[in-house]
Amino acid sequence: MQRLTFTALLVLTLSASVQAQDAQRLVAAVEDHFKVSGDGKAPSFQHAFTDLDGDGLADAVVLMSEPDFCGSGGCAMLVFHGTKMGFTFVSSSTITNEPIRVSPEKNLGWNALIVHTNGV
C-alpha cells in the first residue's frame, strides 16, 4: 500500500513539474509573440493547458488581461500549440471573456472553443 501511495505522489510531483516548465515556456512564447523588449516582461494574461489537437501534448489557451488588449466586448485570446520544445502561436481572436470552454466538436483536427463575449 505504501508503494502505491508513493507512486501516486511521484506522478503528481512530476505533473506539477511539467506544468511549471510549460508555464515558463508559455511566458517565453507570449513574450516572443508580442516581441517584448525593454524590461522583458510579458503582458499580463491568464492561461489554461489542454490538449486541443489530440497529439498528447498540452496546448495553451491564453486570455490577455491588460487594458491594451481589452475593450468593451472583452479581451484578446490566443491559442498556442504545445511541442516538446515549447509553444508556437496558432491563432487569436478578440472580444473574448471567461468562461472559455473546450467543445468535443473538432474542426481541422482541433477541438472548437466556446467563448463568452459581452453583448454577443
PDB file of N, CA and C in Angstrom:
ATOM      1  N   MET A   1       0.823  -1.197   0.000  1.00  0.00           N
ATOM      2  CA  MET A   1       0.000   0.000   0.000  1.00  0.00           C
ATOM      3  C   MET A   1       0.867   1.260   0.000  1.00  0.00           C
ATOM      4  N   GLN A   2       1.954   1.251   0.746  1.00  0.00           N
ATOM      5  CA  GLN A   2       2.831   2.417   0.776  1.00  0.00           C
ATOM      6  C   GLN A   2       3.436   2.668  -0.600  1.00  0.00           C
ATOM      7  N   ARG A   3       3.767   1.612  -1.305  1.00  0.00           N
ATOM      8  CA  ARG A   3       4.355   1.776  -2.629  1.00  0.00           C
ATOM      9  C   ARG A   3       3.395   2.480  -3.589  1.00  0.00           C
ATOM     10  N   LEU A   4       2.116   2.127  -3.562  1.00  0.00           N
ATOM     11  CA  LEU A   4       1.136   2.770  -4.418  1.00  0.00           C
ATOM     12  C   LEU A   4       0.993   4.249  -4.081  1.00  0.00           C
ATOM     13  N   THR A   5       0.983   4.554  -2.809  1.00  0.00           N
ATOM     14  CA  THR A   5       0.881   5.951  -2.388  1.00  0.00           C
ATOM     15  C   THR A   5       2.080   6.730  -2.881  1.00  0.00           C
ATOM     16  N   PHE A   6       3.273   6.159  -2.756  1.00  0.00           N
ATOM     17  CA  PHE A   6       4.484   6.821  -3.203  1.00  0.00           C
ATOM     18  C   PHE A   6       4.443   7.034  -4.716  1.00  0.00           C
ATOM     19  N   THR A   7       3.989   6.027  -5.451  1.00  0.00           N
ATOM     20  CA  THR A   7       3.902   6.143  -6.898  1.00  0.00           C
ATOM     21  C   THR A   7       2.936   7.251  -7.287  1.00  0.00           C
ATOM     22  N   ALA A   8       1.784   7.300  -6.646  1.00  0.00           N
ATOM     23  CA  ALA A   8       0.811   8.347  -6.949  1.00  0.00           C
ATOM     24  C   ALA A   8       1.383   9.721  -6.623  1.00  0.00           C
ATOM     25  N   LEU A   9       2.090   9.828  -5.518  1.00  0.00           N
ATOM     26  CA  LEU A   9       2.702  11.093  -5.137  1.00  0.00           C
ATOM     27  C   LEU A   9       3.761  11.494  -6.152  1.00  0.00           C
ATOM     28  N   LEU A  10       4.552  10.531  -6.617  1.00  0.00           N
ATOM     29  CA  LEU A  10       5.579  10.802  -7.611  1.00  0.00           C
ATOM     30  C   LEU A  10       4.954  11.298  -8.912  1.00  0.00           C
ATOM     31  N   VAL A  11       3.866  10.688  -9.339  1.00  0.00           N
ATOM     32  CA  VAL A  11       3.181  11.110 -10.558  1.00  0.00           C
ATOM     33  C   VAL A  11       2.667  12.537 -10.399  1.00  0.00           C
ATOM     34  N   LEU A  12       2.075  12.855  -9.254  1.00  0.00           N
ATOM     35  CA  LEU A  12       1.590  14.206  -9.007  1.00  0.00           C
ATOM     36  C   LEU A  12       2.731  15.210  -8.997  1.00  0.00           C
ATOM     37  N   THR A  13       3.853  14.848  -8.405  1.00  0.00           N
ATOM     38  CA  THR A  13       5.003  15.735  -8.358  1.00  0.00           C
ATOM     39  C   THR A  13       5.547  15.971  -9.759  1.00  0.00           C
ATOM     40  N   LEU A  14       5.671  14.913 -10.558  1.00  0.00           N
ATOM     41  CA  LEU A  14       6.150  15.061 -11.921  1.00  0.00           C
ATOM     42  C   LEU A  14       5.185  15.916 -12.732  1.00  0.00           C
ATOM     43  N   SER A  15       3.903  15.725 -12.540  1.00  0.00           N
ATOM     44  CA  SER A  15       2.908  16.508 -13.261  1.00  0.00           C
ATOM     45  C   SER A  15       3.037  17.994 -12.920  1.00  0.00           C
ATOM     46  N   ALA A  16       3.230  18.322 -11.651  1.00  0.00           N
ATOM     47  CA  ALA A  16       3.402  19.713 -11.239  1.00  0.00           C
ATOM     48  C   ALA A  16       4.671  20.295 -11.846  1.00  0.00           C
ATOM     49  N   SER A  17       5.728  19.490 -11.920  1.00  0.00           N
ATOM     50  CA  SER A  17       6.983  19.938 -12.517  1.00  0.00           C
ATOM     51  C   SER A  17       6.810  20.217 -14.004  1.00  0.00           C
ATOM     52  N   VAL A  18       6.090  19.344 -14.700  1.00  0.00           N
ATOM     53  CA  VAL A  18       5.833  19.529 -16.125  1.00  0.00           C
ATOM     54  C   VAL A  18       4.999  20.792 -16.333  1.00  0.00           C
ATOM     55  N   GLN A  19       3.992  21.022 -15.494  1.00  0.00           N
ATOM     56  CA  GLN A  19       3.173  22.229 -15.629  1.00  0.00           C
ATOM     57  C   GLN A  19       4.006  23.481 -15.388  1.00  0.00           C
ATOM     58  N   ALA A  20       4.942  23.448 -14.441  1.00  0.00           N
ATOM     59  CA  ALA A  20       5.798  24.608 -14.192  1.00  0.00           C
ATOM     60  C   ALA A  20       6.680  24.879 -15.411  1.00  0.00           C
ATOM     61  N   GLN A  21       7.225  23.832 -16.026  1.00  0.00           N
ATOM     62  CA  GLN A  21       8.022  24.000 -17.246  1.00  0.00           C
ATOM     63  C   GLN A  21       7.161  24.556 -18.371  1.00  0.00           C
ATOM     64  N   ASP A  22       5.938  24.018 -18.509  1.00  0.00           N
ATOM     65  CA  ASP A  22       5.031  24.506 -19.541  1.00  0.00           C
ATOM     66  C   ASP A  22       4.722  25.981 -19.320  1.00  0.00           C
ATOM     67  N   ALA A  23       4.504  26.390 -18.082  1.00  0.00           N
ATOM     68  CA  ALA A  23       4.196  27.790 -17.782  1.00  0.00           C
ATOM     69  C   ALA A  23       5.361  28.697 -18.174  1.00  0.00           C
ATOM     70  N   GLN A  24       6.582  28.279 -17.874  1.00  0.00           N
ATOM     71  CA  GLN A  24       7.760  29.073 -18.249  1.00  0.00           C
ATOM     72  C   GLN A  24       7.889  29.167 -19.768  1.00  0.00           C
ATOM     73  N   ARG A  25       7.660  28.057 -20.440  1.00  0.00           N
ATOM     74  CA  ARG A  25       7.749  28.048 -21.904  1.00  0.00           C
ATOM     75  C   ARG A  25       6.642  28.887 -22.529  1.00  0.00           C
ATOM     76  N   LEU A  26       5.473  28.894 -21.895  1.00  0.00           N
ATOM     77  CA  LEU A  26       4.372  29.694 -22.412  1.00  0.00           C
ATOM     78  C   LEU A  26       4.672  31.188 -22.269  1.00  0.00           C
ATOM     79  N   VAL A  27       5.210  31.594 -21.136  1.00  0.00           N
ATOM     80  CA  VAL A  27       5.579  33.011 -20.956  1.00  0.00           C
ATOM     81  C   VAL A  27       6.565  33.419 -22.043  1.00  0.00           C
ATOM     82  N   ALA A  28       7.538  32.564 -22.320  1.00  0.00           N
ATOM     83  CA  ALA A  28       8.520  32.860 -23.376  1.00  0.00           C
ATOM     84  C   ALA A  28       7.833  32.988 -24.735  1.00  0.00           C
ATOM     85  N   ALA A  29       6.858  32.125 -25.012  1.00  0.00           N
ATOM     86  CA  ALA A  29       6.141  32.178 -26.296  1.00  0.00           C
ATOM     87  C   ALA A  29       5.307  33.451 -26.408  1.00  0.00           C
ATOM     88  N   VAL A  30       4.655  33.857 -25.310  1.00  0.00           N
ATOM     89  CA  VAL A  30       3.860  35.091 -25.325  1.00  0.00           C
ATOM     90  C   VAL A  30       4.782  36.291 -25.508  1.00  0.00           C
ATOM     91  N   GLU A  31       5.916  36.294 -24.805  1.00  0.00           N
ATOM     92  CA  GLU A  31       6.893  37.374 -24.976  1.00  0.00           C
ATOM     93  C   GLU A  31       7.358  37.449 -26.422  1.00  0.00           C
ATOM     94  N   ASP A  32       7.665  36.303 -27.006  1.00  0.00           N
ATOM     95  CA  ASP A  32       8.116  36.266 -28.399  1.00  0.00           C
ATOM     96  C   ASP A  32       7.008  36.739 -29.342  1.00  0.00           C
ATOM     97  N   HIS A  33       5.786  36.316 -29.081  1.00  0.00           N
ATOM     98  CA  HIS A  33       4.661  36.709 -29.932  1.00  0.00           C
ATOM     99  C   HIS A  33       4.485  38.228 -29.958  1.00  0.00           C
ATOM    100  N   PHE A  34       4.628  38.847 -28.816  1.00  0.00           N
ATOM    101  CA  PHE A  34       4.467  40.300 -28.735  1.00  0.00           C
ATOM    102  C   PHE A  34       5.792  41.044 -28.865  1.00  0.00           C
ATOM    103  N   LYS A  35       6.882  40.296 -29.140  1.00  0.00           N
ATOM    104  CA  LYS A  35       8.213  40.887 -29.321  1.00  0.00           C
ATOM    105  C   LYS A  35       8.558  41.838 -28.180  1.00  0.00           C
ATOM    106  N   VAL A  36       8.444  41.316 -26.963  1.00  0.00           N
ATOM    107  CA  VAL A  36       8.690  42.109 -25.764  1.00  0.00           C
ATOM    108  C   VAL A  36      10.141  42.568 -25.732  1.00  0.00           C
ATOM    109  N   SER A  37      10.331  43.832 -25.424  1.00  0.00           N
ATOM    110  CA  SER A  37      11.682  44.378 -25.263  1.00  0.00           C
ATOM    111  C   SER A  37      11.714  45.217 -23.998  1.00  0.00           C
ATOM    112  N   GLY A  38      12.844  45.792 -23.707  1.00  0.00           N
ATOM    113  CA  GLY A  38      12.967  46.631 -22.512  1.00  0.00           C
ATOM    114  C   GLY A  38      13.084  45.784 -21.268  1.00  0.00           C
ATOM    115  N   ASP A  39      12.054  45.821 -20.408  1.00  0.00           N
ATOM    116  CA  ASP A  39      12.126  45.091 -19.143  1.00  0.00           C
ATOM    117  C   ASP A  39      11.942  43.590 -19.325  1.00  0.00           C
ATOM    118  N   GLY A  40      11.546  43.149 -20.510  1.00  0.00           N
ATOM    119  CA  GLY A  40      11.439  41.717 -20.805  1.00  0.00           C
ATOM    120  C   GLY A  40      10.229  41.040 -20.211  1.00  0.00           C
ATOM    121  N   LYS A  41       9.281  41.805 -19.703  1.00  0.00           N
ATOM    122  CA  LYS A  41       8.097  41.199 -19.096  1.00  0.00           C
ATOM    123  C   LYS A  41       7.018  40.976 -20.142  1.00  0.00           C
ATOM    124  N   ALA A  42       6.378  39.829 -20.046  1.00  0.00           N
ATOM    125  CA  ALA A  42       5.247  39.542 -20.921  1.00  0.00           C
ATOM    126  C   ALA A  42       4.031  40.312 -20.415  1.00  0.00           C
ATOM    127  N   PRO A  43       3.120  40.684 -21.306  1.00  0.00           N
ATOM    128  CA  PRO A  43       1.878  41.307 -20.849  1.00  0.00           C
ATOM    129  C   PRO A  43       1.143  40.352 -19.904  1.00  0.00           C
ATOM    130  N   SER A  44       0.336  40.879 -19.013  1.00  0.00           N
ATOM    131  CA  SER A  44      -0.424  40.041 -18.073  1.00  0.00           C
ATOM    132  C   SER A  44      -1.450  39.200 -18.819  1.00  0.00           C
ATOM    133  N   PHE A  45      -1.568  37.942 -18.406  1.00  0.00           N
ATOM    134  CA  PHE A  45      -2.536  37.051 -19.027  1.00  0.00           C
ATOM    135  C   PHE A  45      -2.893  35.919 -18.090  1.00  0.00           C
ATOM    136  N   GLN A  46      -4.026  35.294 -18.385  1.00  0.00           N
ATOM    137  CA  GLN A  46      -4.442  34.064 -17.726  1.00  0.00           C
ATOM    138  C   GLN A  46      -4.293  32.955 -18.757  1.00  0.00           C
ATOM    139  N   HIS A  47      -4.117  31.737 -18.293  1.00  0.00           N
ATOM    140  CA  HIS A  47      -3.958  30.649 -19.254  1.00  0.00           C
ATOM    141  C   HIS A  47      -4.501  29.337 -18.705  1.00  0.00           C
ATOM    142  N   ALA A  48      -4.714  28.416 -19.617  1.00  0.00           N
ATOM    143  CA  ALA A  48      -5.087  27.052 -19.272  1.00  0.00           C
ATOM    144  C   ALA A  48      -4.418  26.133 -20.276  1.00  0.00           C
ATOM    145  N   PHE A  49      -3.966  24.988 -19.782  1.00  0.00           N
ATOM    146  CA  PHE A  49      -3.359  23.987 -20.647  1.00  0.00           C
ATOM    147  C   PHE A  49      -4.362  22.870 -20.903  1.00  0.00           C
ATOM    148  N   THR A  50      -4.484  22.482 -22.164  1.00  0.00           N
ATOM    149  CA  THR A  50      -5.330  21.359 -22.549  1.00  0.00           C
ATOM    150  C   THR A  50      -4.871  20.870 -23.923  1.00  0.00           C
ATOM    151  N   ASP A  51      -5.046  19.618 -24.173  1.00  0.00           N
ATOM    152  CA  ASP A  51      -4.656  19.052 -25.473  1.00  0.00           C
ATOM    153  C   ASP A  51      -5.790  19.278 -26.466  1.00  0.00           C
ATOM    154  N   LEU A  52      -5.659  20.302 -27.275  1.00  0.00           N
ATOM    155  CA  LEU A  52      -6.715  20.666 -28.224  1.00  0.00           C
ATOM    156  C   LEU A  52      -6.656  19.895 -29.528  1.00  0.00           C
ATOM    157  N   ASP A  53      -5.495  19.350 -29.873  1.00  0.00           N
ATOM    158  CA  ASP A  53      -5.354  18.677 -31.168  1.00  0.00           C
ATOM    159  C   ASP A  53      -5.122  17.173 -31.059  1.00  0.00           C
ATOM    160  N   GLY A  54      -5.196  16.623 -29.859  1.00  0.00           N
ATOM    161  CA  GLY A  54      -5.108  15.180 -29.672  1.00  0.00           C
ATOM    162  C   GLY A  54      -3.744  14.572 -29.898  1.00  0.00           C
ATOM    163  N   ASP A  55      -2.671  15.386 -29.815  1.00  0.00           N
ATOM    164  CA  ASP A  55      -1.331  14.838 -30.033  1.00  0.00           C
ATOM    165  C   ASP A  55      -0.649  14.392 -28.739  1.00  0.00           C
ATOM    166  N   GLY A  56      -1.354  14.494 -27.618  1.00  0.00           N
ATOM    167  CA  GLY A  56      -0.790  14.065 -26.338  1.00  0.00           C
ATOM    168  C   GLY A  56       0.032  15.124 -25.637  1.00  0.00           C
ATOM    169  N   LEU A  57       0.185  16.304 -26.232  1.00  0.00           N
ATOM    170  CA  LEU A  57       0.925  17.402 -25.616  1.00  0.00           C
ATOM    171  C   LEU A  57      -0.036  18.539 -25.270  1.00  0.00           C
ATOM    172  N   ALA A  58       0.250  19.218 -24.179  1.00  0.00           N
ATOM    173  CA  ALA A  58      -0.604  20.324 -23.747  1.00  0.00           C
ATOM    174  C   ALA A  58      -0.475  21.514 -24.690  1.00  0.00           C
ATOM    175  N   ASP A  59      -1.594  22.016 -25.141  1.00  0.00           N
ATOM    176  CA  ASP A  59      -1.660  23.275 -25.872  1.00  0.00           C
ATOM    177  C   ASP A  59      -2.085  24.331 -24.856  1.00  0.00           C
ATOM    178  N   ALA A  60      -2.018  25.595 -25.223  1.00  0.00           N
ATOM    179  CA  ALA A  60      -2.347  26.651 -24.269  1.00  0.00           C
ATOM    180  C   ALA A  60      -3.378  27.611 -24.837  1.00  0.00           C
ATOM    181  N   VAL A  61      -4.369  27.926 -24.016  1.00  0.00           N
ATOM    182  CA  VAL A  61      -5.345  28.962 -24.316  1.00  0.00           C
ATOM    183  C   VAL A  61      -4.998  30.130 -23.403  1.00  0.00           C
ATOM    184  N   VAL A  62      -4.744  31.285 -24.004  1.00  0.00           N
ATOM    185  CA  VAL A  62      -4.285  32.467 -23.274  1.00  0.00           C
ATOM    186  C   VAL A  62      -5.331  33.566 -23.401  1.00  0.00           C
ATOM    187  N   LEU A  63      -5.729  34.138 -22.281  1.00  0.00           N
ATOM    188  CA  LEU A  63      -6.637  35.279 -22.275  1.00  0.00           C
ATOM    189  C   LEU A  63      -5.878  36.471 -21.705  1.00  0.00           C
ATOM    190  N   MET A  64      -5.656  37.460 -22.556  1.00  0.00           N
ATOM    191  CA  MET A  64      -4.920  38.651 -22.134  1.00  0.00           C
ATOM    192  C   MET A  64      -5.736  39.398 -21.084  1.00  0.00           C
ATOM    193  N   SER A  65      -5.031  40.087 -20.157  1.00  0.00           N
ATOM    194  CA  SER A  65      -5.766  40.775 -19.096  1.00  0.00           C
ATOM    195  C   SER A  65      -5.356  42.237 -18.917  1.00  0.00           C
ATOM    196  N   GLU A  66      -4.448  42.732 -19.731  1.00  0.00           N
ATOM    197  CA  GLU A  66      -4.058  44.140 -19.638  1.00  0.00           C
ATOM    198  C   GLU A  66      -4.993  44.999 -20.479  1.00  0.00           C
ATOM    199  N   PRO A  67      -5.246  46.240 -20.055  1.00  0.00           N
ATOM    200  CA  PRO A  67      -6.163  47.131 -20.792  1.00  0.00           C
ATOM    201  C   PRO A  67      -5.805  47.309 -22.271  1.00  0.00           C
ATOM    202  N   ASP A  68      -4.524  47.272 -22.615  1.00  0.00           N
ATOM    203  CA  ASP A  68      -4.120  47.426 -24.014  1.00  0.00           C
ATOM    204  C   ASP A  68      -4.677  46.326 -24.910  1.00  0.00           C
ATOM    205  N   PHE A  69      -5.054  45.192 -24.328  1.00  0.00           N
ATOM    206  CA  PHE A  69      -5.537  44.046 -25.096  1.00  0.00           C
ATOM    207  C   PHE A  69      -7.023  43.793 -24.892  1.00  0.00           C
ATOM    208  N   CYS A  70      -7.703  44.725 -24.214  1.00  0.00           N
ATOM    209  CA  CYS A  70      -9.116  44.544 -23.902  1.00  0.00           C
ATOM    210  C   CYS A  70      -9.923  45.753 -24.348  1.00  0.00           C
ATOM    211  N   GLY A  71     -11.190  45.506 -24.620  1.00  0.00           N
ATOM    212  CA  GLY A  71     -12.111  46.574 -24.977  1.00  0.00           C
ATOM    213  C   GLY A  71     -13.441  46.317 -24.302  1.00  0.00           C
ATOM    214  N   SER A  72     -14.470  47.001 -24.749  1.00  0.00           N
ATOM    215  CA  SER A  72     -15.784  46.879 -24.114  1.00  0.00           C
ATOM    216  C   SER A  72     -16.402  45.491 -24.316  1.00  0.00           C
ATOM    217  N   GLY A  73     -15.996  44.781 -25.359  1.00  0.00           N
ATOM    218  CA  GLY A  73     -16.557  43.458 -25.628  1.00  0.00           C
ATOM    219  C   GLY A  73     -15.776  42.315 -25.024  1.00  0.00           C
ATOM    220  N   GLY A  74     -14.571  42.567 -24.558  1.00  0.00           N
ATOM    221  CA  GLY A  74     -13.744  41.517 -23.984  1.00  0.00           C
ATOM    222  C   GLY A  74     -12.279  41.746 -24.298  1.00  0.00           C
ATOM    223  N   CYS A  75     -11.493  40.694 -24.150  1.00  0.00           N
ATOM    224  CA  CYS A  75     -10.041  40.781 -24.332  1.00  0.00           C
ATOM    225  C   CYS A  75      -9.579  39.849 -25.446  1.00  0.00           C
ATOM    226  N   ALA A  76      -8.339  40.008 -25.840  1.00  0.00           N
ATOM    227  CA  ALA A  76      -7.753  39.135 -26.858  1.00  0.00           C
ATOM    228  C   ALA A  76      -7.490  37.744 -26.272  1.00  0.00           C
ATOM    229  N   MET A  77      -7.783  36.736 -27.064  1.00  0.00           N
ATOM    230  CA  MET A  77      -7.494  35.351 -26.699  1.00  0.00           C
ATOM    231  C   MET A  77      -6.526  34.794 -27.733  1.00  0.00           C
ATOM    232  N   LEU A  78      -5.519  34.074 -27.273  1.00  0.00           N
ATOM    233  CA  LEU A  78      -4.548  33.456 -28.173  1.00  0.00           C
ATOM    234  C   LEU A  78      -4.500  31.961 -27.911  1.00  0.00           C
ATOM    235  N   VAL A  79      -4.220  31.199 -28.948  1.00  0.00           N
ATOM    236  CA  VAL A  79      -4.055  29.754 -28.827  1.00  0.00           C
ATOM    237  C   VAL A  79      -2.639  29.412 -29.276  1.00  0.00           C
ATOM    238  N   PHE A  80      -1.945  28.626 -28.444  1.00  0.00           N
ATOM    239  CA  PHE A  80      -0.587  28.184 -28.737  1.00  0.00           C
ATOM    240  C   PHE A  80      -0.559  26.662 -28.799  1.00  0.00           C
ATOM    241  N   HIS A  81       0.121  26.143 -29.805  1.00  0.00           N
ATOM    242  CA  HIS A  81       0.307  24.699 -29.967  1.00  0.00           C
ATOM    243  C   HIS A  81       1.494  24.261 -29.122  1.00  0.00           C
ATOM    244  N   GLY A  82       1.293  23.247 -28.317  1.00  0.00           N
ATOM    245  CA  GLY A  82       2.373  22.724 -27.495  1.00  0.00           C
ATOM    246  C   GLY A  82       3.248  21.756 -28.268  1.00  0.00           C
ATOM    247  N   THR A  83       4.561  21.911 -28.111  1.00  0.00           N
ATOM    248  CA  THR A  83       5.535  20.978 -28.697  1.00  0.00           C
ATOM    249  C   THR A  83       6.445  20.516 -27.570  1.00  0.00           C
ATOM    250  N   LYS A  84       7.331  19.603 -27.855  1.00  0.00           N
ATOM    251  CA  LYS A  84       8.277  19.144 -26.834  1.00  0.00           C
ATOM    252  C   LYS A  84       9.244  20.243 -26.426  1.00  0.00           C
ATOM    253  N   MET A  85       9.419  21.229 -27.292  1.00  0.00           N
ATOM    254  CA  MET A  85      10.379  22.309 -27.023  1.00  0.00           C
ATOM    255  C   MET A  85       9.729  23.592 -26.504  1.00  0.00           C
ATOM    256  N   GLY A  86       8.413  23.703 -26.581  1.00  0.00           N
ATOM    257  CA  GLY A  86       7.757  24.924 -26.141  1.00  0.00           C
ATOM    258  C   GLY A  86       6.414  25.106 -26.813  1.00  0.00           C
ATOM    259  N   PHE A  87       6.069  26.348 -27.095  1.00  0.00           N
ATOM    260  CA  PHE A  87       4.767  26.671 -27.672  1.00  0.00           C
ATOM    261  C   PHE A  87       4.934  27.552 -28.900  1.00  0.00           C
ATOM    262  N   THR A  88       4.085  27.304 -29.897  1.00  0.00           N
ATOM    263  CA  THR A  88       4.075  28.143 -31.092  1.00  0.00           C
ATOM    264  C   THR A  88       2.669  28.709 -31.272  1.00  0.00           C
ATOM    265  N   PHE A  89       2.607  29.947 -31.693  1.00  0.00           N
ATOM    266  CA  PHE A  89       1.336  30.642 -31.881  1.00  0.00           C
ATOM    267  C   PHE A  89       0.544  30.000 -33.006  1.00  0.00           C
ATOM    268  N   VAL A  90      -0.777  29.829 -32.787  1.00  0.00           N
ATOM    269  CA  VAL A  90      -1.658  29.242 -33.792  1.00  0.00           C
ATOM    270  C   VAL A  90      -2.690  30.263 -34.266  1.00  0.00           C
ATOM    271  N   SER A  91      -3.408  30.875 -33.336  1.00  0.00           N
ATOM    272  CA  SER A  91      -4.469  31.794 -33.736  1.00  0.00           C
ATOM    273  C   SER A  91      -4.835  32.739 -32.594  1.00  0.00           C
ATOM    274  N   SER A  92      -5.639  33.746 -32.951  1.00  0.00           N
ATOM    275  CA  SER A  92      -6.123  34.682 -31.928  1.00  0.00           C
ATOM    276  C   SER A  92      -7.524  35.139 -32.283  1.00  0.00           C
ATOM    277  N   SER A  93      -8.195  35.670 -31.302  1.00  0.00           N
ATOM    278  CA  SER A  93      -9.498  36.292 -31.524  1.00  0.00           C
ATOM    279  C   SER A  93      -9.643  37.427 -30.519  1.00  0.00           C
ATOM    280  N   THR A  94     -10.584  38.300 -30.793  1.00  0.00           N
ATOM    281  CA  THR A  94     -10.806  39.435 -29.904  1.00  0.00           C
ATOM    282  C   THR A  94     -12.152  39.281 -29.208  1.00  0.00           C
ATOM    283  N   ILE A  95     -12.487  40.240 -28.431  1.00  0.00           N
ATOM    284  CA  ILE A  95     -13.721  40.327 -27.639  1.00  0.00           C
ATOM    285  C   ILE A  95     -14.087  39.004 -26.950  1.00  0.00           C
ATOM    286  N   THR A  96     -13.171  38.463 -26.203  1.00  0.00           N
ATOM    287  CA  THR A  96     -13.369  37.196 -25.503  1.00  0.00           C
ATOM    288  C   THR A  96     -13.329  37.422 -23.999  1.00  0.00           C
ATOM    289  N   ASN A  97     -14.252  36.789 -23.298  1.00  0.00           N
ATOM    290  CA  ASN A  97     -14.293  36.799 -21.835  1.00  0.00           C
ATOM    291  C   ASN A  97     -14.374  35.375 -21.322  1.00  0.00           C
ATOM    292  N   GLU A  98     -14.156  35.220 -20.036  1.00  0.00           N
ATOM    293  CA  GLU A  98     -14.388  33.938 -19.388  1.00  0.00           C
ATOM    294  C   GLU A  98     -15.893  33.726 -19.280  1.00  0.00           C
ATOM    295  N   PRO A  99     -16.362  32.531 -19.248  1.00  0.00           N
ATOM    296  CA  PRO A  99     -15.604  31.285 -19.334  1.00  0.00           C
ATOM    297  C   PRO A  99     -15.266  30.926 -20.773  1.00  0.00           C
ATOM    298  N   ILE A 100     -14.179  30.202 -20.925  1.00  0.00           N
ATOM    299  CA  ILE A 100     -13.782  29.630 -22.207  1.00  0.00           C
ATOM    300  C   ILE A 100     -13.890  28.121 -22.032  1.00  0.00           C
ATOM    301  N   ARG A 101     -14.635  27.488 -22.916  1.00  0.00           N
ATOM    302  CA  ARG A 101     -14.842  26.042 -22.792  1.00  0.00           C
ATOM    303  C   ARG A 101     -14.310  25.327 -24.026  1.00  0.00           C
ATOM    304  N   VAL A 102     -13.891  24.084 -23.817  1.00  0.00           N
ATOM    305  CA  VAL A 102     -13.436  23.240 -24.923  1.00  0.00           C
ATOM    306  C   VAL A 102     -14.597  22.348 -25.336  1.00  0.00           C
ATOM    307  N   SER A 103     -14.956  22.424 -26.597  1.00  0.00           N
ATOM    308  CA  SER A 103     -16.042  21.618 -27.142  1.00  0.00           C
ATOM    309  C   SER A 103     -15.494  20.274 -27.622  1.00  0.00           C
ATOM    310  N   PRO A 104     -16.303  19.228 -27.565  1.00  0.00           N
ATOM    311  CA  PRO A 104     -15.860  17.953 -28.141  1.00  0.00           C
ATOM    312  C   PRO A 104     -15.858  17.999 -29.670  1.00  0.00           C
ATOM    313  N   GLU A 105     -16.542  18.991 -30.248  1.00  0.00           N
ATOM    314  CA  GLU A 105     -16.588  19.145 -31.702  1.00  0.00           C
ATOM    315  C   GLU A 105     -15.205  19.540 -32.219  1.00  0.00           C
ATOM    316  N   LYS A 106     -14.793  18.941 -33.324  1.00  0.00           N
ATOM    317  CA  LYS A 106     -13.477  19.233 -33.895  1.00  0.00           C
ATOM    318  C   LYS A 106     -13.619  19.912 -35.251  1.00  0.00           C
ATOM    319  N   ASN A 107     -12.634  20.765 -35.554  1.00  0.00           N
ATOM    320  CA  ASN A 107     -12.550  21.429 -36.837  1.00  0.00           C
ATOM    321  C   ASN A 107     -11.092  21.374 -37.278  1.00  0.00           C
ATOM    322  N   LEU A 108     -10.822  20.741 -38.405  1.00  0.00           N
ATOM    323  CA  LEU A 108      -9.453  20.545 -38.899  1.00  0.00           C
ATOM    324  C   LEU A 108      -8.560  19.871 -37.863  1.00  0.00           C
ATOM    325  N   GLY A 109      -9.147  18.957 -37.075  1.00  0.00           N
ATOM    326  CA  GLY A 109      -8.383  18.197 -36.096  1.00  0.00           C
ATOM    327  C   GLY A 109      -8.215  18.860 -34.734  1.00  0.00           C
ATOM    328  N   TRP A 110      -8.756  20.041 -34.560  1.00  0.00           N
ATOM    329  CA  TRP A 110      -8.643  20.779 -33.293  1.00  0.00           C
ATOM    330  C   TRP A 110     -10.015  20.892 -32.647  1.00  0.00           C
ATOM    331  N   ASN A 111     -10.066  20.766 -31.314  1.00  0.00           N
ATOM    332  CA  ASN A 111     -11.317  20.996 -30.599  1.00  0.00           C
ATOM    333  C   ASN A 111     -11.716  22.457 -30.741  1.00  0.00           C
ATOM    334  N   ALA A 112     -13.004  22.683 -30.955  1.00  0.00           N
ATOM    335  CA  ALA A 112     -13.527  24.048 -31.014  1.00  0.00           C
ATOM    336  C   ALA A 112     -13.551  24.636 -29.605  1.00  0.00           C
ATOM    337  N   LEU A 113     -13.400  25.954 -29.526  1.00  0.00           N
ATOM    338  CA  LEU A 113     -13.500  26.651 -28.252  1.00  0.00           C
ATOM    339  C   LEU A 113     -14.813  27.422 -28.223  1.00  0.00           C
ATOM    340  N   ILE A 114     -15.472  27.383 -27.078  1.00  0.00           N
ATOM    341  CA  ILE A 114     -16.705  28.118 -26.880  1.00  0.00           C
ATOM    342  C   ILE A 114     -16.365  29.275 -25.937  1.00  0.00           C
ATOM    343  N   VAL A 115     -16.590  30.492 -26.394  1.00  0.00           N
ATOM    344  CA  VAL A 115     -16.197  31.650 -25.601  1.00  0.00           C
ATOM    345  C   VAL A 115     -17.404  32.548 -25.316  1.00  0.00           C
ATOM    346  N   HIS A 116     -17.265  33.363 -24.291  1.00  0.00           N
ATOM    347  CA  HIS A 116     -18.283  34.342 -23.925  1.00  0.00           C
ATOM    348  C   HIS A 116     -17.796  35.716 -24.369  1.00  0.00           C
ATOM    349  N   THR A 117     -18.685  36.481 -24.994  1.00  0.00           N
ATOM    350  CA  THR A 117     -18.367  37.856 -25.356  1.00  0.00           C
ATOM    351  C   THR A 117     -19.474  38.745 -24.824  1.00  0.00           C
ATOM    352  N   ASN A 118     -19.114  39.923 -24.367  1.00  0.00           N
ATOM    353  CA  ASN A 118     -20.123  40.849 -23.855  1.00  0.00           C
ATOM    354  C   ASN A 118     -21.036  41.297 -24.976  1.00  0.00           C
ATOM    355  N   GLY A 119     -22.331  41.075 -24.803  1.00  0.00           N
ATOM    356  CA  GLY A 119     -23.308  41.556 -25.750  1.00  0.00           C
ATOM    357  C   GLY A 119     -23.465  40.725 -27.016  1.00  0.00           C
ATOM    358  N   VAL A 120     -22.693  39.659 -27.162  1.00  0.00           N
ATOM    359  CA  VAL A 120     -22.771  38.842 -28.378  1.00  0.00           C
ATOM    360  C   VAL A 120     -23.019  37.395 -27.986  1.00  0.00           C
TER     361      VAL A 120
END
